[in-house]
Amino acid sequence: MSAASRASVLAPFHVRSFRFQWPADLATSWALEMETLILGWYVLVETESVFMLTVFASLLYVGTLLAPMFGVMGDRIGPRNVLCAMRCVYAVCAVTLMTFTFLGTLTPVVVLVITTIVGLVRPSDIGMRAALVGETMPSDRLVGAMSIQRTTQDSARIAGALSGAGLVATLGMGPAYAAVSAFYVISVLLTLKAGSAGIARQPAAAVSAGNESARPSPWGDLKEGLAYVWNTPHLLAAMSLAFLLNLTAFPLFTGLLPVVAKEVYLSDQTTLGYLVAGAATGAFLGSIVLSRIGHAVRPGRMMIIFGAAWYTMLLVFAHMPHATAGIPALMLAGFAQSMGLVPATAMLLRTSAQFRGRIMGIRMLVLYGNLPGLLIAGPLIASFGYPVMATLYCVIGLAFTALIAVRWRAQIWRLDAPANTR
């Protein structure tokens, strides 16, 4: 790699906040991925029910309805402060589960209750991370910074999946959860050093500081943010595509992999770890590629092209009879995912500094598509099997991706469209 390329890739680390945020996000992502794998396998084995697994996975997204309000708070008090509070919740819940495990009183009901608490907060984490990057990063480094930031999630899915399965198999759930808790505590301490300690600027609708009583309510701020997204065509197109992907692609890529490992490949949690790691390796490679070429991409076109490519590779994966063939297909699916979603996120962050927190909060709201996507998948798998269910989801996804591209062609496909600004 040339000196110029290295400088371009590492440029985001010249910003002090990013030097603390990146390892904080990394520690959080590792803990989240380890926790999801450990608990997902526990629920599936203890209940012997695919439906209960989909319930567990769905509970992780129950807080998506609250995500816009987290965005409002990010605009009001700063995304760093919101992230710190959220990560304290993760740490407390992890320590609680660790305690139940060491006491020998852990049950699926306890897991589902604590998962619900974490699920109220977790969907907003990625949005607040992005808002903090957008607040601290110069615009010309934004795609590169988001690509590098994305590696925290991808590397976590690789290492977290493999280490999570290995720790449980070798040491048991108690020590594994001690490691998860330690990662969360580290993430809180590092997040405190990121961003700015000051209060975020008030929304534009707020009046001067001398007339505090006229400041709009949080609901007023949210309404203003929703209206802004609704009346900005390329934002509405991106949100529509994001909801579609969360409804039909993410369940196949994340929440239902335990079903593939256990029911399709007739294997154990080690194979599940390999599947998760394979998907994440492809996504990690996509993030690395974007960190070098991000300045030259057209975000609107990228999210459509690679959204379709993601569905295509998930369709191929659904018909792979063995893990040795399925893992490479998942790697290609992960690569397509990064190449489409990272530029789309950078596009959202560039649109308006004034609405940045609320835009990302609304972006996280569409994660709600995961919940019906997972819950509908359970009965379909029980009736028709995983390959048929996955094929149905991918065909629907491809059809609606094409519809979105046609409906908002002028705003997201034309080279001079706002969504394709470099």
Protein backbone atom coordinates (compact mmCIF):
# COMPACT_ATOMS: atom_id res chain seq x y z
CA MET A 1 0.00 0.00 0.00
CA SER A 2 1.41 3.41 -0.98
CA ALA A 3 2.05 6.16 1.56
CA ALA A 4 -0.85 8.15 0.08
CA SER A 5 -3.20 5.20 0.43
CA ARG A 6 -2.14 4.60 4.02
CA ALA A 7 -2.68 8.26 4.81
CA SER A 8 -6.15 8.12 3.27
CA VAL A 9 -7.15 4.97 5.16
CA LEU A 10 -5.82 6.25 8.50
CA ALA A 11 -6.97 9.86 8.06
CA PRO A 12 -10.00 9.47 10.39
CA PHE A 13 -7.65 8.60 13.26
CA HIS A 14 -6.17 12.10 13.03
CA VAL A 15 -9.36 13.20 14.79
CA ARG A 16 -8.91 12.72 18.56
CA SER A 17 -12.51 11.70 19.20
CA PHE A 18 -12.31 8.90 16.63
CA ARG A 19 -9.19 7.47 18.29
CA PHE A 20 -11.30 6.82 21.40
CA GLN A 21 -14.59 6.05 19.69
CA TRP A 22 -13.23 3.32 17.43
CA PRO A 23 -11.95 1.05 20.25
CA ALA A 24 -15.06 1.84 22.32
CA ASP A 25 -17.29 0.74 19.44
CA LEU A 26 -15.05 -2.28 18.90
CA ALA A 27 -15.40 -3.43 22.51
CA THR A 28 -19.19 -2.92 22.39
CA SER A 29 -19.53 -4.80 19.11
CA TRP A 30 -17.46 -7.74 20.34
CA ALA A 31 -19.58 -8.01 23.47
CA LEU A 32 -22.88 -7.72 21.56
CA GLU A 33 -21.92 -10.39 19.05
CA MET A 34 -20.63 -12.81 21.69
CA GLU A 35 -23.79 -12.24 23.74
CA THR A 36 -26.14 -12.80 20.80
CA LEU A 37 -24.45 -16.04 19.80
CA ILE A 38 -24.23 -17.39 23.35
CA LEU A 39 -27.84 -16.61 24.25
CA GLY A 40 -29.29 -17.56 20.86
CA TRP A 41 -27.75 -21.01 21.06
CA TYR A 42 -28.79 -21.36 24.72
CA VAL A 43 -32.43 -20.56 23.91
CA LEU A 44 -32.50 -22.91 20.91
CA VAL A 45 -30.97 -25.82 22.86
CA GLU A 46 -32.94 -25.32 26.09
CA THR A 47 -36.34 -24.82 24.45
CA GLU A 48 -35.76 -26.98 21.32
CA SER A 49 -37.97 -24.50 19.48
CA VAL A 50 -37.18 -22.48 16.36
CA PHE A 51 -40.11 -20.25 17.26
CA MET A 52 -38.53 -19.37 20.63
CA LEU A 53 -35.28 -18.57 18.84
CA THR A 54 -37.13 -16.14 16.57
CA VAL A 55 -38.80 -14.63 19.66
CA PHE A 56 -35.38 -14.13 21.26
CA ALA A 57 -33.96 -12.56 18.09
CA SER A 58 -37.03 -10.33 17.75
CA LEU A 59 -36.71 -9.04 21.31
CA LEU A 60 -33.32 -7.59 20.40
CA TYR A 61 -35.17 -5.13 18.15
CA VAL A 62 -38.10 -4.27 20.42
CA GLY A 63 -36.61 -0.83 21.08
CA THR A 64 -36.67 0.23 17.45
CA LEU A 65 -39.88 2.16 18.17
CA LEU A 66 -37.88 4.24 20.67
CA ALA A 67 -34.97 4.88 18.29
CA PRO A 68 -36.28 8.24 16.99
CA MET A 69 -36.42 9.56 20.56
CA PHE A 70 -32.82 8.47 21.09
CA GLY A 71 -32.06 10.53 17.98
CA VAL A 72 -33.85 13.52 19.48
CA MET A 73 -31.81 13.16 22.67
CA GLY A 74 -28.66 12.89 20.57
CA ASP A 75 -29.47 16.26 18.98
CA ARG A 76 -30.26 17.73 22.41
CA ILE A 77 -27.52 16.46 24.73
CA GLY A 78 -25.00 15.02 22.27
CA PRO A 79 -24.59 11.48 20.88
CA ARG A 80 -21.62 10.76 23.15
CA ASN A 81 -23.69 11.22 26.31
CA VAL A 82 -26.49 9.06 24.91
CA LEU A 83 -24.01 6.32 23.97
CA CYS A 84 -22.48 6.32 27.46
CA ALA A 85 -25.90 5.85 29.08
CA MET A 86 -26.80 3.05 26.66
CA ARG A 87 -23.57 1.16 27.25
CA CYS A 88 -24.02 1.37 31.01
CA VAL A 89 -27.33 -0.48 30.51
CA TYR A 90 -25.52 -3.22 28.53
CA ALA A 91 -22.94 -3.63 31.29
CA VAL A 92 -25.53 -3.88 34.08
CA CYS A 93 -27.59 -6.46 32.16
CA ALA A 94 -24.50 -8.54 31.31
CA VAL A 95 -23.37 -8.59 34.94
CA THR A 96 -26.89 -9.66 35.96
CA LEU A 97 -26.88 -12.57 33.50
CA MET A 98 -23.38 -13.54 34.63
CA THR A 99 -24.60 -13.65 38.23
CA PHE A 100 -27.59 -15.85 37.37
CA THR A 101 -25.26 -18.18 35.45
CA PHE A 102 -22.75 -18.57 38.28
CA LEU A 103 -25.60 -19.17 40.73
CA GLY A 104 -27.02 -21.90 38.49
CA THR A 105 -30.42 -20.20 38.26
CA LEU A 106 -30.36 -19.13 34.62
CA THR A 107 -33.48 -20.09 32.63
CA PRO A 108 -34.82 -19.18 29.17
CA VAL A 109 -37.38 -16.91 30.85
CA VAL A 110 -34.62 -14.93 32.58
CA VAL A 111 -32.74 -14.65 29.29
CA LEU A 112 -35.84 -13.35 27.47
CA VAL A 113 -36.60 -10.78 30.20
CA ILE A 114 -33.08 -9.35 30.21
CA THR A 115 -32.95 -9.50 26.41
CA THR A 116 -36.09 -7.36 26.35
CA ILE A 117 -34.36 -4.72 28.52
CA VAL A 118 -31.28 -4.71 26.29
CA GLY A 119 -33.54 -4.70 23.21
CA LEU A 120 -35.07 -1.38 24.31
CA VAL A 121 -31.66 0.26 23.90
CA ARG A 122 -29.60 -1.83 21.47
CA PRO A 123 -31.24 -0.84 18.14
CA SER A 124 -30.16 2.78 18.64
CA ASP A 125 -26.49 2.02 19.27
CA ILE A 126 -25.37 1.93 15.65
CA GLY A 127 -27.28 5.12 14.83
CA MET A 128 -25.71 7.01 17.73
CA ARG A 129 -22.25 5.77 16.73
CA ALA A 130 -22.80 7.14 13.24
CA ALA A 131 -24.15 10.44 14.59
CA LEU A 132 -21.03 10.83 16.76
CA VAL A 133 -18.78 10.19 13.76
CA GLY A 134 -20.78 12.71 11.73
CA GLU A 135 -20.48 15.29 14.52
CA THR A 136 -16.70 15.00 14.85
CA MET A 137 -15.48 14.06 11.36
CA PRO A 138 -14.80 16.45 8.42
CA SER A 139 -17.16 15.80 5.49
CA ASP A 140 -14.40 14.75 3.08
CA ARG A 141 -13.36 11.92 5.41
CA LEU A 142 -16.87 10.71 6.22
CA VAL A 143 -17.17 7.67 3.91
CA GLY A 144 -13.69 6.50 4.91
CA ALA A 145 -14.47 7.03 8.59
CA MET A 146 -17.77 5.15 8.35
CA SER A 147 -16.00 2.31 6.52
CA ILE A 148 -13.41 2.00 9.28
CA GLN A 149 -16.09 2.37 11.93
CA ARG A 150 -18.01 -0.44 10.26
CA THR A 151 -15.00 -2.74 10.76
CA THR A 152 -15.79 -2.70 14.49
CA GLN A 153 -19.02 -4.57 13.77
CA ASP A 154 -17.55 -6.87 11.14
CA SER A 155 -14.46 -7.85 13.12
CA ALA A 156 -16.70 -8.44 16.12
CA ARG A 157 -18.86 -10.85 14.17
CA ILE A 158 -15.70 -12.75 13.19
CA ALA A 159 -13.85 -12.79 16.51
CA GLY A 160 -16.94 -12.52 18.71
CA ALA A 161 -18.63 -15.45 17.00
CA LEU A 162 -15.60 -17.71 17.15
CA SER A 163 -14.51 -16.70 20.64
CA GLY A 164 -18.09 -16.76 21.96
CA ALA A 165 -18.64 -20.33 20.83
CA GLY A 166 -15.17 -21.33 22.01
CA LEU A 167 -15.49 -19.76 25.45
CA VAL A 168 -18.82 -21.45 26.14
CA ALA A 169 -17.60 -24.81 24.91
CA THR A 170 -14.34 -24.58 26.89
CA LEU A 171 -15.16 -22.62 30.04
CA GLY A 172 -18.96 -22.53 30.26
CA MET A 173 -21.43 -19.64 30.20
CA GLY A 174 -20.31 -18.04 33.47
CA PRO A 175 -16.72 -17.23 32.44
CA ALA A 176 -17.93 -16.35 28.93
CA TYR A 177 -20.29 -13.79 30.40
CA ALA A 178 -17.52 -12.42 32.61
CA ALA A 179 -15.63 -11.62 29.38
CA VAL A 180 -18.73 -10.02 27.87
CA SER A 181 -19.20 -7.85 30.97
CA ALA A 182 -15.55 -6.75 30.89
CA PHE A 183 -15.89 -5.63 27.25
CA TYR A 184 -18.93 -3.52 28.13
CA VAL A 185 -17.16 -1.80 31.03
CA ILE A 186 -14.18 -0.99 28.80
CA SER A 187 -16.51 0.45 26.16
CA VAL A 188 -18.11 2.80 28.70
CA LEU A 189 -14.73 4.13 29.86
CA LEU A 190 -13.52 4.74 26.29
CA THR A 191 -16.78 6.34 25.16
CA LEU A 192 -16.42 8.91 27.95
CA LYS A 193 -13.25 10.14 26.22
CA ALA A 194 -14.83 10.47 22.75
CA GLY A 195 -16.81 13.35 21.28
CA SER A 196 -17.32 16.58 23.12
CA ALA A 197 -18.24 17.00 26.76
CA GLY A 198 -20.42 19.96 25.95
CA ILE A 199 -24.16 19.98 25.38
CA ALA A 200 -25.22 19.59 21.77
CA ARG A 201 -26.63 22.58 19.95
CA GLN A 202 -30.37 23.02 20.12
CA PRO A 203 -32.48 22.16 17.09
CA ALA A 204 -33.01 24.99 14.65
CA ALA A 205 -36.60 25.41 15.76
CA ALA A 206 -35.41 26.32 19.26
CA VAL A 207 -35.36 30.00 20.00
CA SER A 208 -32.65 31.98 21.66
CA ALA A 209 -31.34 30.86 25.05
CA GLY A 210 -33.05 33.78 26.68
CA ASN A 211 -36.49 32.39 25.80
CA GLU A 212 -36.14 28.86 27.21
CA SER A 213 -39.88 28.40 27.63
CA ALA A 214 -40.34 28.54 23.86
CA ARG A 215 -38.02 25.62 23.24
CA PRO A 216 -39.96 22.86 21.44
CA SER A 217 -40.76 19.63 23.25
CA PRO A 218 -38.96 16.40 22.34
CA TRP A 219 -42.12 15.34 20.49
CA GLY A 220 -41.98 18.59 18.53
CA ASP A 221 -38.36 17.87 17.61
CA LEU A 222 -39.31 14.37 16.51
CA LYS A 223 -42.19 15.61 14.40
CA GLU A 224 -39.86 18.11 12.73
CA GLY A 225 -37.34 15.35 11.96
CA LEU A 226 -40.00 13.02 10.54
CA ALA A 227 -41.34 15.81 8.32
CA TYR A 228 -37.83 16.55 7.07
CA VAL A 229 -37.22 12.93 6.07
CA TRP A 230 -40.69 12.59 4.50
CA ASN A 231 -40.18 15.70 2.38
CA THR A 232 -36.63 14.86 1.26
CA PRO A 233 -36.98 12.28 -1.54
CA HIS A 234 -33.54 10.67 -1.40
CA LEU A 235 -33.83 10.24 2.37
CA LEU A 236 -37.27 8.66 1.99
CA ALA A 237 -35.90 6.30 -0.67
CA ALA A 238 -33.00 5.28 1.58
CA MET A 239 -35.32 4.69 4.53
CA SER A 240 -37.67 2.60 2.37
CA LEU A 241 -34.81 0.43 1.15
CA ALA A 242 -33.46 0.08 4.70
CA PHE A 243 -36.85 -1.12 5.96
CA LEU A 244 -37.07 -3.66 3.13
CA LEU A 245 -33.58 -4.99 3.88
CA ASN A 246 -34.35 -5.32 7.57
CA LEU A 247 -37.61 -7.11 6.83
CA THR A 248 -36.31 -9.65 4.34
CA ALA A 249 -32.47 -9.73 4.26
CA PHE A 250 -31.19 -9.26 7.80
CA PRO A 251 -33.20 -12.18 9.27
CA LEU A 252 -31.48 -14.49 6.77
CA PHE A 253 -28.06 -12.95 7.40
CA THR A 254 -28.11 -12.91 11.21
CA GLY A 255 -31.03 -14.11 13.33
CA LEU A 256 -31.79 -17.36 11.46
CA LEU A 257 -28.23 -18.69 11.10
CA PRO A 258 -28.65 -20.95 14.18
CA VAL A 259 -31.50 -22.65 12.29
CA VAL A 260 -29.25 -23.23 9.28
CA ALA A 261 -26.48 -24.66 11.44
CA LYS A 262 -28.74 -26.97 13.46
CA GLU A 263 -31.59 -27.91 11.11
CA VAL A 264 -30.08 -27.65 7.61
CA TYR A 265 -26.42 -28.55 8.20
CA LEU A 266 -27.23 -30.83 11.19
CA SER A 267 -24.28 -29.40 13.08
CA ASP A 268 -23.44 -27.58 16.32
CA GLN A 269 -22.48 -24.14 17.64
CA THR A 270 -18.98 -24.41 16.17
CA THR A 271 -20.44 -24.49 12.66
CA LEU A 272 -22.68 -21.60 13.65
CA GLY A 273 -19.59 -19.66 14.65
CA TYR A 274 -18.02 -20.38 11.25
CA LEU A 275 -21.16 -19.22 9.44
CA VAL A 276 -21.30 -15.97 11.39
CA ALA A 277 -17.57 -15.43 10.93
CA GLY A 278 -17.80 -16.08 7.19
CA ALA A 279 -20.56 -13.51 6.74
CA ALA A 280 -18.62 -11.00 8.80
CA THR A 281 -15.36 -11.63 6.94
CA GLY A 282 -17.01 -10.66 3.67
CA ALA A 283 -18.48 -7.53 5.27
CA PHE A 284 -15.09 -6.66 6.78
CA LEU A 285 -13.41 -6.93 3.36
CA GLY A 286 -16.09 -4.69 1.88
CA SER A 287 -15.44 -2.09 4.57
CA ILE A 288 -11.71 -2.19 3.89
CA VAL A 289 -12.27 -1.70 0.16
CA LEU A 290 -14.57 1.26 0.84
CA SER A 291 -12.04 2.84 3.21
CA ARG A 292 -9.76 3.21 0.18
CA ILE A 293 -12.26 4.14 -2.55
CA GLY A 294 -15.00 5.82 -0.51
CA HIS A 295 -14.22 9.27 -1.87
CA ALA A 296 -15.10 8.11 -5.39
CA VAL A 297 -18.34 6.18 -4.86
CA ARG A 298 -21.88 7.26 -5.76
CA PRO A 299 -23.88 6.38 -2.61
CA GLY A 300 -27.34 6.30 -4.17
CA ARG A 301 -26.34 3.91 -6.93
CA MET A 302 -24.21 1.82 -4.59
CA MET A 303 -27.07 1.12 -2.17
CA ILE A 304 -29.34 -0.09 -5.01
CA ILE A 305 -26.77 -2.19 -6.87
CA PHE A 306 -25.33 -3.87 -3.82
CA GLY A 307 -28.71 -4.23 -2.15
CA ALA A 308 -29.72 -6.38 -5.11
CA ALA A 309 -26.39 -8.22 -4.99
CA TRP A 310 -26.94 -8.98 -1.28
CA TYR A 311 -30.30 -10.61 -2.02
CA THR A 312 -28.78 -12.59 -4.86
CA MET A 313 -26.05 -14.08 -2.68
CA LEU A 314 -28.50 -14.84 0.14
CA LEU A 315 -30.60 -16.71 -2.41
CA VAL A 316 -27.56 -18.73 -3.44
CA PHE A 317 -26.73 -19.43 0.21
CA ALA A 318 -30.26 -20.70 0.87
CA HIS A 319 -29.69 -23.55 -1.57
CA MET A 320 -26.21 -24.60 -0.43
CA PRO A 321 -26.52 -28.12 1.08
CA HIS A 322 -23.27 -28.03 3.06
CA ALA A 323 -21.42 -25.48 5.18
CA THR A 324 -18.31 -25.74 2.99
CA ALA A 325 -20.32 -24.23 0.13
CA GLY A 326 -22.53 -22.02 2.28
CA ILE A 327 -19.73 -20.11 3.98
CA PRO A 328 -18.25 -18.68 0.72
CA ALA A 329 -21.76 -17.61 -0.35
CA LEU A 330 -22.20 -15.86 3.00
CA MET A 331 -18.84 -14.13 2.55
CA LEU A 332 -19.98 -12.69 -0.78
CA ALA A 333 -23.29 -11.67 0.79
CA GLY A 334 -21.40 -9.86 3.55
CA PHE A 335 -19.21 -8.06 1.02
CA ALA A 336 -22.29 -6.83 -0.85
CA GLN A 337 -23.91 -5.72 2.41
CA SER A 338 -21.00 -3.44 3.34
CA MET A 339 -20.65 -2.03 -0.16
CA GLY A 340 -24.29 -0.95 -0.10
CA LEU A 341 -25.00 0.07 3.49
CA VAL A 342 -21.87 2.08 4.34
CA PRO A 343 -22.25 4.62 1.49
CA ALA A 344 -25.98 4.89 2.29
CA THR A 345 -25.18 5.77 5.92
CA ALA A 346 -22.61 8.37 4.87
CA MET A 347 -25.24 9.89 2.56
CA LEU A 348 -27.66 10.23 5.49
CA LEU A 349 -25.01 11.87 7.68
CA ARG A 350 -24.07 14.40 5.00
CA THR A 351 -27.62 15.60 4.43
CA SER A 352 -28.10 17.94 7.41
CA ALA A 353 -26.01 18.54 10.54
CA GLN A 354 -29.07 20.14 12.14
CA PHE A 355 -31.12 16.92 11.87
CA ARG A 356 -28.27 14.40 12.10
CA GLY A 357 -29.34 12.71 15.34
CA ARG A 358 -32.98 12.52 14.32
CA ILE A 359 -32.16 11.19 10.85
CA MET A 360 -30.10 8.39 12.38
CA GLY A 361 -32.83 7.75 14.97
CA ILE A 362 -35.38 7.35 12.19
CA ARG A 363 -32.90 5.15 10.32
CA MET A 364 -32.76 2.91 13.37
CA LEU A 365 -36.57 2.89 13.55
CA VAL A 366 -36.69 0.93 10.31
CA LEU A 367 -34.79 -1.85 12.09
CA TYR A 368 -38.29 -2.72 13.28
CA GLY A 369 -38.60 -4.62 10.03
CA ASN A 370 -36.47 -7.33 11.66
CA LEU A 371 -39.20 -8.14 14.16
CA PRO A 372 -42.00 -9.11 11.74
CA GLY A 373 -39.42 -10.59 9.41
CA LEU A 374 -38.20 -12.98 12.09
CA LEU A 375 -41.62 -13.79 13.52
CA ILE A 376 -43.09 -14.58 10.09
CA ALA A 377 -40.04 -16.69 9.20
CA GLY A 378 -40.59 -19.10 12.12
CA PRO A 379 -43.93 -20.55 10.95
CA LEU A 380 -42.77 -20.53 7.31
CA ILE A 381 -39.70 -22.60 8.21
CA ALA A 382 -41.83 -25.00 10.23
CA SER A 383 -44.22 -25.47 7.30
CA PHE A 384 -41.98 -25.34 4.23
CA GLY A 385 -38.35 -25.47 5.39
CA TYR A 386 -35.59 -22.86 5.41
CA PRO A 387 -34.72 -22.91 1.65
CA VAL A 388 -38.31 -22.15 0.59
CA MET A 389 -38.71 -19.40 3.19
CA ALA A 390 -35.38 -17.78 2.23
CA THR A 391 -36.22 -17.95 -1.48
CA LEU A 392 -39.54 -16.20 -0.86
CA TYR A 393 -37.85 -13.44 1.15
CA CYS A 394 -35.15 -12.87 -1.50
CA VAL A 395 -37.57 -12.75 -4.42
CA ILE A 396 -39.76 -10.23 -2.58
CA GLY A 397 -36.67 -8.20 -1.70
CA LEU A 398 -35.36 -8.08 -5.27
CA ALA A 399 -38.76 -7.05 -6.62
CA PHE A 400 -39.18 -4.17 -4.17
CA THR A 401 -35.56 -3.02 -4.59
CA ALA A 402 -36.27 -2.61 -8.31
CA LEU A 403 -39.49 -0.76 -7.47
CA ILE A 404 -37.63 1.68 -5.19
CA ALA A 405 -35.01 2.31 -7.88
CA VAL A 406 -37.72 3.13 -10.42
CA ARG A 407 -39.87 5.21 -8.06
CA TRP A 408 -37.00 7.48 -6.96
CA ARG A 409 -34.83 7.21 -10.05
CA ALA A 410 -34.29 10.96 -10.35
CA GLN A 411 -33.20 11.29 -6.71
CA ILE A 412 -30.99 8.21 -6.22
CA TRP A 413 -29.83 6.98 -9.64
CA ARG A 414 -28.99 10.00 -11.77
CA LEU A 415 -25.35 11.05 -11.41
CA ASP A 416 -26.34 14.62 -10.58
CA ALA A 417 -28.82 13.49 -7.91
CA PRO A 418 -28.25 14.63 -4.29
CA ALA A 419 -27.84 11.03 -3.20
CA ASN A 420 -24.82 10.60 -5.50
CA THR A 421 -22.82 13.56 -4.25
CA ARG A 422 -19.22 12.51 -3.60
